[in-house]
Amino acid sequence: MFAVVRTGGKQYRIAADQKILVDRLPGEAGDTVTLDVLLTGEAGDLKSEAGQTVTAEIVAQTKGDKIIVFKKKRRHNYRRKNGHRQDHTLLKIVAIGGEAPKKATAKKAEAAPAVAAEAPAAEPKAAAPKKAAAPKAEAAADATEKKIAKPKAAKAKPAAE
């Protein structure tokens, strides 16, 4: 089964379990998105899009390749150089139309309550303080103090004879 969806002003022909790269959509990795369906079909016959939806999961928020925009006007000393990277969203198609979501997502949902049931039995542990950020800040402070504390010694020049 396939579907034609519209997002970001473009149309995409998709199938289940396919990954597509579209213009940026709001959301974080793991969120579920519903796309507008224009057309669905299977093998050669087309179906009505009324009531049909496509469910997709956001895999990642990425950026495209850098494009250099260079403008120049001859003999006028006019040059402008700009770079641009387009934001993209990588989607994995979970379900098309009336199809049920994959069983793997159902397993994740069943596993989550089991883990939650085990969590109250264990005693809560105190959160460890973040030590990674502190040494960097201290090192930066020490470096600035060293620069300030050590003035450059004047080199003695031999007297000209």
N, C-alpha and C. Protein backbone atom coordinates (compact mmCIF):
# COMPACT_ATOMS: atom_id res chain seq x y z
N MET A 1 0.84 -1.17 0.00
CA MET A 1 0.00 0.00 0.00
C MET A 1 0.89 1.24 0.00
N PHE A 2 0.47 2.26 -0.73
CA PHE A 2 1.22 3.51 -0.77
C PHE A 2 0.25 4.66 -0.57
N ALA A 3 0.83 5.83 -0.29
CA ALA A 3 0.03 7.04 -0.13
C ALA A 3 0.84 8.22 -0.65
N VAL A 4 0.13 9.25 -1.05
CA VAL A 4 0.75 10.50 -1.45
C VAL A 4 0.36 11.53 -0.39
N VAL A 5 1.37 12.12 0.26
CA VAL A 5 1.11 13.09 1.32
C VAL A 5 1.72 14.42 0.95
N ARG A 6 1.22 15.47 1.59
CA ARG A 6 1.75 16.82 1.36
C ARG A 6 2.25 17.38 2.68
N THR A 7 3.48 17.88 2.65
CA THR A 7 4.05 18.56 3.81
C THR A 7 5.13 19.51 3.32
N GLY A 8 5.16 20.69 3.88
CA GLY A 8 6.17 21.68 3.50
C GLY A 8 6.03 22.17 2.07
N GLY A 9 4.81 22.12 1.49
CA GLY A 9 4.60 22.59 0.13
C GLY A 9 5.06 21.60 -0.92
N LYS A 10 5.43 20.38 -0.51
CA LYS A 10 5.87 19.35 -1.45
C LYS A 10 5.03 18.10 -1.26
N GLN A 11 5.02 17.24 -2.27
CA GLN A 11 4.28 15.98 -2.19
C GLN A 11 5.26 14.81 -2.22
N TYR A 12 4.96 13.78 -1.43
CA TYR A 12 5.82 12.62 -1.32
C TYR A 12 4.98 11.35 -1.49
N ARG A 13 5.51 10.40 -2.26
CA ARG A 13 4.88 9.09 -2.38
C ARG A 13 5.58 8.19 -1.37
N ILE A 14 4.81 7.64 -0.44
CA ILE A 14 5.42 6.90 0.66
C ILE A 14 4.79 5.52 0.79
N ALA A 15 5.50 4.64 1.49
CA ALA A 15 5.02 3.32 1.84
C ALA A 15 5.36 3.08 3.31
N ALA A 16 4.79 2.03 3.90
CA ALA A 16 5.04 1.72 5.30
C ALA A 16 6.51 1.38 5.52
N ASP A 17 7.04 1.75 6.68
CA ASP A 17 8.43 1.51 7.09
C ASP A 17 9.45 2.25 6.24
N GLN A 18 9.03 3.24 5.48
CA GLN A 18 9.94 4.02 4.64
C GLN A 18 10.40 5.25 5.44
N LYS A 19 11.62 5.69 5.18
CA LYS A 19 12.13 6.91 5.81
C LYS A 19 12.20 7.99 4.75
N ILE A 20 11.71 9.20 5.10
CA ILE A 20 11.74 10.32 4.16
C ILE A 20 12.32 11.54 4.86
N LEU A 21 12.94 12.40 4.08
CA LEU A 21 13.53 13.64 4.57
C LEU A 21 12.65 14.79 4.09
N VAL A 22 12.03 15.51 5.03
CA VAL A 22 11.11 16.60 4.69
C VAL A 22 11.61 17.89 5.32
N ASP A 23 10.99 19.02 4.94
CA ASP A 23 11.31 20.29 5.58
C ASP A 23 10.96 20.19 7.06
N ARG A 24 11.60 21.02 7.86
CA ARG A 24 11.49 20.91 9.31
C ARG A 24 10.05 20.95 9.80
N LEU A 25 9.74 20.00 10.68
CA LEU A 25 8.45 19.94 11.36
C LEU A 25 8.70 20.12 12.85
N PRO A 26 7.77 20.75 13.57
CA PRO A 26 7.97 20.93 15.01
C PRO A 26 7.91 19.58 15.73
N GLY A 27 8.75 19.41 16.73
CA GLY A 27 8.76 18.18 17.52
C GLY A 27 10.17 17.69 17.75
N GLU A 28 10.29 16.75 18.67
CA GLU A 28 11.57 16.16 19.01
C GLU A 28 11.62 14.72 18.50
N ALA A 29 12.80 14.13 18.54
CA ALA A 29 12.98 12.75 18.12
C ALA A 29 12.10 11.85 19.00
N GLY A 30 11.36 10.95 18.36
CA GLY A 30 10.46 10.05 19.07
C GLY A 30 9.01 10.50 19.05
N ASP A 31 8.75 11.76 18.71
CA ASP A 31 7.37 12.25 18.64
C ASP A 31 6.66 11.67 17.42
N THR A 32 5.33 11.64 17.49
CA THR A 32 4.51 11.13 16.39
C THR A 32 3.86 12.30 15.66
N VAL A 33 3.84 12.21 14.32
CA VAL A 33 3.29 13.27 13.48
C VAL A 33 2.23 12.66 12.57
N THR A 34 1.15 13.38 12.33
CA THR A 34 0.12 12.96 11.39
C THR A 34 0.19 13.85 10.16
N LEU A 35 0.25 13.23 8.97
CA LEU A 35 0.38 13.97 7.72
C LEU A 35 -0.93 13.94 6.93
N ASP A 36 -1.14 14.99 6.12
CA ASP A 36 -2.33 15.08 5.27
C ASP A 36 -2.19 14.14 4.08
N VAL A 37 -3.22 13.35 3.83
CA VAL A 37 -3.19 12.38 2.73
C VAL A 37 -3.93 12.96 1.53
N LEU A 38 -3.30 12.90 0.37
CA LEU A 38 -3.94 13.33 -0.87
C LEU A 38 -4.53 12.15 -1.62
N LEU A 39 -3.85 11.00 -1.56
CA LEU A 39 -4.23 9.85 -2.36
C LEU A 39 -3.66 8.59 -1.74
N THR A 40 -4.42 7.50 -1.78
CA THR A 40 -3.90 6.21 -1.35
C THR A 40 -4.18 5.19 -2.43
N GLY A 41 -3.40 4.14 -2.45
CA GLY A 41 -3.60 3.11 -3.45
C GLY A 41 -2.87 1.85 -3.10
N GLU A 42 -3.23 0.78 -3.84
CA GLU A 42 -2.58 -0.51 -3.64
C GLU A 42 -2.53 -1.24 -4.96
N ALA A 43 -1.33 -1.57 -5.39
CA ALA A 43 -1.07 -2.34 -6.61
C ALA A 43 -1.46 -1.59 -7.89
N GLY A 44 -2.59 -1.09 -8.08
CA GLY A 44 -2.95 -0.37 -9.29
C GLY A 44 -4.26 0.36 -9.11
N ASP A 45 -5.00 0.00 -8.07
CA ASP A 45 -6.27 0.66 -7.83
C ASP A 45 -6.11 1.73 -6.77
N LEU A 46 -6.75 2.86 -7.01
CA LEU A 46 -6.67 4.00 -6.11
C LEU A 46 -7.87 4.02 -5.18
N LYS A 47 -7.66 4.48 -3.96
CA LYS A 47 -8.72 4.54 -2.96
C LYS A 47 -9.00 5.98 -2.58
N SER A 48 -10.17 6.20 -2.02
CA SER A 48 -10.55 7.54 -1.58
C SER A 48 -9.70 7.94 -0.38
N GLU A 49 -9.32 9.20 -0.33
CA GLU A 49 -8.50 9.68 0.77
C GLU A 49 -9.34 10.16 1.95
N ALA A 50 -10.66 10.07 1.85
CA ALA A 50 -11.53 10.54 2.93
C ALA A 50 -11.29 9.72 4.20
N GLY A 51 -10.93 10.39 5.28
CA GLY A 51 -10.71 9.71 6.55
C GLY A 51 -9.38 9.00 6.66
N GLN A 52 -8.54 9.09 5.67
CA GLN A 52 -7.25 8.41 5.70
C GLN A 52 -6.20 9.31 6.35
N THR A 53 -5.33 8.72 7.13
CA THR A 53 -4.23 9.45 7.75
C THR A 53 -2.95 8.65 7.62
N VAL A 54 -1.84 9.35 7.69
CA VAL A 54 -0.53 8.71 7.71
C VAL A 54 0.13 9.12 9.01
N THR A 55 0.57 8.12 9.75
CA THR A 55 1.25 8.36 11.02
C THR A 55 2.73 8.13 10.81
N ALA A 56 3.53 9.11 11.23
CA ALA A 56 4.98 9.02 11.08
C ALA A 56 5.65 9.36 12.41
N GLU A 57 6.83 8.79 12.62
CA GLU A 57 7.60 9.06 13.82
C GLU A 57 8.84 9.87 13.45
N ILE A 58 9.13 10.91 14.22
CA ILE A 58 10.31 11.73 13.97
C ILE A 58 11.53 10.95 14.44
N VAL A 59 12.44 10.69 13.50
CA VAL A 59 13.68 9.98 13.83
C VAL A 59 14.74 10.97 14.28
N ALA A 60 14.88 12.08 13.54
CA ALA A 60 15.90 13.07 13.90
C ALA A 60 15.58 14.41 13.26
N GLN A 61 16.10 15.46 13.87
CA GLN A 61 16.06 16.81 13.30
C GLN A 61 17.47 17.08 12.79
N THR A 62 17.63 17.28 11.49
CA THR A 62 18.96 17.43 10.91
C THR A 62 19.05 18.71 10.09
N LYS A 63 20.23 18.93 9.51
CA LYS A 63 20.44 20.06 8.61
C LYS A 63 20.98 19.53 7.30
N GLY A 64 20.66 20.23 6.22
CA GLY A 64 21.13 19.84 4.90
C GLY A 64 22.54 20.32 4.65
N ASP A 65 23.03 20.06 3.45
CA ASP A 65 24.36 20.50 3.07
C ASP A 65 24.40 22.03 2.98
N LYS A 66 25.59 22.58 3.17
CA LYS A 66 25.75 24.03 3.11
C LYS A 66 25.75 24.49 1.66
N ILE A 67 25.00 25.52 1.40
CA ILE A 67 24.92 26.12 0.07
C ILE A 67 25.52 27.52 0.17
N ILE A 68 26.45 27.83 -0.72
CA ILE A 68 27.10 29.14 -0.73
C ILE A 68 26.38 30.03 -1.74
N VAL A 69 25.99 31.22 -1.28
CA VAL A 69 25.34 32.20 -2.15
C VAL A 69 26.35 33.34 -2.34
N PHE A 70 26.82 33.52 -3.55
CA PHE A 70 27.84 34.54 -3.83
C PHE A 70 27.29 35.51 -4.87
N LYS A 71 27.30 36.79 -4.54
CA LYS A 71 26.82 37.83 -5.46
C LYS A 71 27.98 38.76 -5.80
N LYS A 72 28.05 39.14 -7.07
CA LYS A 72 29.13 40.03 -7.50
C LYS A 72 28.65 40.89 -8.64
N LYS A 73 29.08 42.17 -8.60
CA LYS A 73 28.84 43.07 -9.73
C LYS A 73 30.20 43.55 -10.22
N ARG A 74 30.45 43.30 -11.45
CA ARG A 74 31.75 43.66 -12.02
C ARG A 74 31.98 45.16 -11.97
N ARG A 75 33.23 45.50 -11.73
CA ARG A 75 33.70 46.88 -11.79
C ARG A 75 33.00 47.82 -10.79
N HIS A 76 32.34 47.27 -9.78
CA HIS A 76 31.70 48.11 -8.78
C HIS A 76 32.14 47.77 -7.36
N ASN A 77 33.14 46.88 -7.25
CA ASN A 77 33.65 46.44 -5.95
C ASN A 77 32.52 45.96 -5.05
N TYR A 78 31.63 45.16 -5.61
CA TYR A 78 30.48 44.63 -4.86
C TYR A 78 30.58 43.12 -4.81
N ARG A 79 30.81 42.58 -3.62
CA ARG A 79 30.86 41.13 -3.42
C ARG A 79 30.17 40.80 -2.11
N ARG A 80 29.28 39.80 -2.13
CA ARG A 80 28.60 39.33 -0.92
C ARG A 80 28.64 37.81 -0.91
N LYS A 81 29.04 37.25 0.21
CA LYS A 81 29.11 35.79 0.32
C LYS A 81 28.31 35.37 1.55
N ASN A 82 27.31 34.54 1.34
CA ASN A 82 26.47 34.03 2.43
C ASN A 82 26.39 32.52 2.32
N GLY A 83 26.26 31.85 3.45
CA GLY A 83 26.06 30.41 3.49
C GLY A 83 24.69 30.11 4.07
N HIS A 84 24.12 28.95 3.69
CA HIS A 84 22.80 28.57 4.18
C HIS A 84 22.73 27.07 4.34
N ARG A 85 22.15 26.60 5.47
CA ARG A 85 21.89 25.19 5.68
C ARG A 85 20.42 25.03 6.02
N GLN A 86 19.71 24.28 5.21
CA GLN A 86 18.27 24.09 5.39
C GLN A 86 18.01 23.09 6.52
N ASP A 87 17.03 23.38 7.36
CA ASP A 87 16.63 22.46 8.42
C ASP A 87 15.74 21.37 7.85
N HIS A 88 15.97 20.12 8.24
CA HIS A 88 15.20 18.99 7.76
C HIS A 88 14.73 18.15 8.94
N THR A 89 13.70 17.34 8.70
CA THR A 89 13.22 16.37 9.66
C THR A 89 13.22 15.01 8.98
N LEU A 90 13.80 14.01 9.63
CA LEU A 90 13.81 12.65 9.11
C LEU A 90 12.63 11.91 9.73
N LEU A 91 11.71 11.43 8.88
CA LEU A 91 10.49 10.75 9.33
C LEU A 91 10.53 9.28 8.96
N LYS A 92 10.02 8.45 9.83
CA LYS A 92 9.81 7.03 9.52
C LYS A 92 8.30 6.80 9.52
N ILE A 93 7.79 6.28 8.40
CA ILE A 93 6.36 6.07 8.26
C ILE A 93 5.97 4.84 9.08
N VAL A 94 5.03 5.03 10.02
CA VAL A 94 4.60 3.94 10.90
C VAL A 94 3.37 3.26 10.34
N ALA A 95 2.35 4.05 9.95
CA ALA A 95 1.10 3.46 9.47
C ALA A 95 0.49 4.33 8.39
N ILE A 96 -0.16 3.67 7.42
CA ILE A 96 -0.86 4.37 6.35
C ILE A 96 -2.32 4.00 6.43
N GLY A 97 -3.18 5.02 6.41
CA GLY A 97 -4.62 4.78 6.40
C GLY A 97 -5.08 4.08 7.66
N GLY A 98 -5.84 3.01 7.48
CA GLY A 98 -6.42 2.28 8.60
C GLY A 98 -5.49 1.25 9.20
N GLU A 99 -4.24 1.18 8.75
CA GLU A 99 -3.32 0.20 9.28
C GLU A 99 -2.99 0.49 10.73
N ALA A 100 -2.77 -0.57 11.51
CA ALA A 100 -2.40 -0.42 12.91
C ALA A 100 -0.91 -0.12 13.01
N PRO A 101 -0.49 0.55 14.08
CA PRO A 101 0.93 0.79 14.25
C PRO A 101 1.69 -0.53 14.40
N LYS A 102 3.00 -0.46 14.25
CA LYS A 102 3.83 -1.66 14.32
C LYS A 102 3.74 -2.30 15.70
N LYS A 103 3.99 -3.60 15.76
CA LYS A 103 3.95 -4.33 17.02
C LYS A 103 5.09 -3.91 17.94
N ALA A 104 6.20 -3.47 17.38
CA ALA A 104 7.34 -3.06 18.20
C ALA A 104 6.96 -1.92 19.13
N THR A 105 6.13 -0.99 18.67
CA THR A 105 5.71 0.11 19.53
C THR A 105 4.80 -0.41 20.63
N ALA A 106 4.00 -1.45 20.35
CA ALA A 106 3.15 -2.02 21.38
C ALA A 106 4.01 -2.70 22.45
N LYS A 107 5.11 -3.34 22.04
CA LYS A 107 5.99 -3.98 23.01
C LYS A 107 6.62 -2.94 23.92
N LYS A 108 6.99 -1.80 23.36
CA LYS A 108 7.57 -0.73 24.17
C LYS A 108 6.56 -0.24 25.20
N ALA A 109 5.29 -0.14 24.81
CA ALA A 109 4.25 0.34 25.72
C ALA A 109 4.03 -0.68 26.84
N GLU A 110 4.10 -2.00 26.53
CA GLU A 110 3.92 -3.02 27.56
C GLU A 110 5.12 -3.06 28.50
N ALA A 111 6.31 -2.84 27.98
CA ALA A 111 7.53 -2.89 28.79
C ALA A 111 7.61 -1.72 29.76
N ALA A 112 7.10 -0.58 29.39
CA ALA A 112 7.18 0.61 30.24
C ALA A 112 6.44 0.43 31.56
N PRO A 113 5.18 -0.09 31.61
CA PRO A 113 4.52 -0.28 32.90
C PRO A 113 5.25 -1.30 33.77
N ALA A 114 5.88 -2.32 33.17
CA ALA A 114 6.61 -3.31 33.95
C ALA A 114 7.79 -2.67 34.66
N VAL A 115 8.48 -1.79 33.98
CA VAL A 115 9.62 -1.08 34.58
C VAL A 115 9.11 -0.13 35.66
N ALA A 116 7.98 0.51 35.42
CA ALA A 116 7.42 1.44 36.40
C ALA A 116 7.00 0.69 37.66
N ALA A 117 6.52 -0.55 37.53
CA ALA A 117 6.10 -1.33 38.68
C ALA A 117 7.32 -1.72 39.53
N GLU A 118 8.47 -1.96 38.91
CA GLU A 118 9.66 -2.33 39.64
C GLU A 118 10.31 -1.13 40.31
N ALA A 119 10.14 0.04 39.80
CA ALA A 119 10.81 1.23 40.32
C ALA A 119 10.45 1.55 41.77
N PRO A 120 9.16 1.46 42.22
CA PRO A 120 8.86 1.79 43.63
C PRO A 120 9.53 0.84 44.61
N ALA A 121 9.80 -0.41 44.23
CA ALA A 121 10.42 -1.37 45.12
C ALA A 121 11.85 -0.94 45.46
N ALA A 122 12.54 -0.37 44.53
CA ALA A 122 13.90 0.09 44.77
C ALA A 122 13.87 1.43 45.49
N GLU A 123 14.87 1.63 46.37
CA GLU A 123 14.93 2.89 47.09
C GLU A 123 15.43 4.00 46.16
N PRO A 124 14.84 5.18 46.25
CA PRO A 124 15.31 6.27 45.40
C PRO A 124 16.71 6.70 45.81
N LYS A 125 17.57 6.90 44.83
CA LYS A 125 18.94 7.32 45.07
C LYS A 125 19.06 8.82 44.89
N ALA A 126 19.94 9.42 45.65
CA ALA A 126 20.17 10.86 45.51
C ALA A 126 20.86 11.11 44.17
N ALA A 127 20.44 12.15 43.53
CA ALA A 127 21.02 12.49 42.23
C ALA A 127 22.46 12.96 42.42
N ALA A 128 23.35 12.42 41.59
CA ALA A 128 24.76 12.81 41.67
C ALA A 128 24.92 14.20 41.08
N PRO A 129 25.71 15.06 41.72
CA PRO A 129 25.91 16.40 41.15
C PRO A 129 26.69 16.31 39.85
N LYS A 130 26.42 17.24 38.97
CA LYS A 130 27.11 17.27 37.68
C LYS A 130 28.53 17.78 37.89
N LYS A 131 29.49 16.91 37.60
CA LYS A 131 30.88 17.28 37.80
C LYS A 131 31.55 17.66 36.49
N ALA A 132 30.93 17.29 35.37
CA ALA A 132 31.56 17.53 34.07
C ALA A 132 31.66 19.02 33.76
N ALA A 133 30.63 19.79 34.13
CA ALA A 133 30.62 21.20 33.78
C ALA A 133 31.53 22.02 34.71
N ALA A 134 31.66 21.61 35.97
CA ALA A 134 32.43 22.38 36.93
C ALA A 134 33.92 22.45 36.59
N PRO A 135 34.61 21.33 36.25
CA PRO A 135 36.04 21.45 35.95
C PRO A 135 36.33 22.35 34.75
N LYS A 136 35.47 22.34 33.77
CA LYS A 136 35.69 23.20 32.60
C LYS A 136 35.62 24.67 33.01
N ALA A 137 34.64 24.99 33.84
CA ALA A 137 34.50 26.38 34.28
C ALA A 137 35.69 26.79 35.14
N GLU A 138 36.14 25.86 36.01
CA GLU A 138 37.28 26.17 36.86
C GLU A 138 38.55 26.34 36.02
N ALA A 139 38.71 25.47 35.03
CA ALA A 139 39.90 25.54 34.18
C ALA A 139 39.92 26.86 33.41
N ALA A 140 38.76 27.30 32.93
CA ALA A 140 38.68 28.56 32.21
C ALA A 140 39.02 29.73 33.14
N ALA A 141 38.53 29.66 34.39
CA ALA A 141 38.81 30.72 35.35
C ALA A 141 40.30 30.74 35.70
N ASP A 142 40.91 29.54 35.88
CA ASP A 142 42.34 29.46 36.18
C ASP A 142 43.17 30.03 35.04
N ALA A 143 42.77 29.72 33.81
CA ALA A 143 43.51 30.20 32.64
C ALA A 143 43.49 31.73 32.58
N THR A 144 42.35 32.33 32.86
CA THR A 144 42.28 33.79 32.82
C THR A 144 43.09 34.40 33.95
N GLU A 145 43.10 33.73 35.13
CA GLU A 145 43.90 34.25 36.24
C GLU A 145 45.39 34.17 35.93
N LYS A 146 45.80 33.09 35.28
CA LYS A 146 47.20 32.93 34.93
C LYS A 146 47.65 34.02 33.95
N LYS A 147 46.77 34.34 33.02
CA LYS A 147 47.11 35.37 32.04
C LYS A 147 47.26 36.72 32.72
N ILE A 148 46.41 36.97 33.68
CA ILE A 148 46.45 38.25 34.37
C ILE A 148 47.61 38.27 35.37
N ALA A 149 47.86 37.15 36.06
CA ALA A 149 48.85 37.11 37.13
C ALA A 149 50.28 37.19 36.61
N LYS A 150 50.54 36.69 35.41
CA LYS A 150 51.91 36.67 34.90
C LYS A 150 52.12 37.76 33.86
N PRO A 151 52.67 38.90 34.27
CA PRO A 151 52.99 39.91 33.25
C PRO A 151 54.25 39.49 32.51
N LYS A 152 54.35 39.93 31.29
CA LYS A 152 55.52 39.58 30.47
C LYS A 152 56.75 40.30 31.01
N ALA A 153 57.82 39.52 31.11
CA ALA A 153 59.09 40.10 31.58
C ALA A 153 59.74 40.84 30.42
N ALA A 154 60.28 42.00 30.70
CA ALA A 154 60.96 42.78 29.66
C ALA A 154 62.31 42.18 29.39
N LYS A 155 62.62 41.96 28.14
CA LYS A 155 63.90 41.40 27.76
C LYS A 155 64.93 42.51 27.74
N ALA A 156 66.07 42.17 28.32
CA ALA A 156 67.16 43.16 28.36
C ALA A 156 67.87 43.18 27.01
N LYS A 157 68.03 44.33 26.42
CA LYS A 157 68.73 44.45 25.13
C LYS A 157 70.18 44.83 25.40
N PRO A 158 71.09 44.21 24.68
CA PRO A 158 72.50 44.59 24.88
C PRO A 158 72.72 46.03 24.41
N ALA A 159 73.56 46.70 25.12
CA ALA A 159 73.85 48.09 24.78
C ALA A 159 74.67 48.14 23.48
N ALA A 160 74.32 49.07 22.63
CA ALA A 160 75.04 49.22 21.36
C ALA A 160 76.36 49.91 21.61
N GLU A 161 77.43 49.35 21.09
CA GLU A 161 78.75 49.95 21.29
C GLU A 161 79.25 50.65 20.06
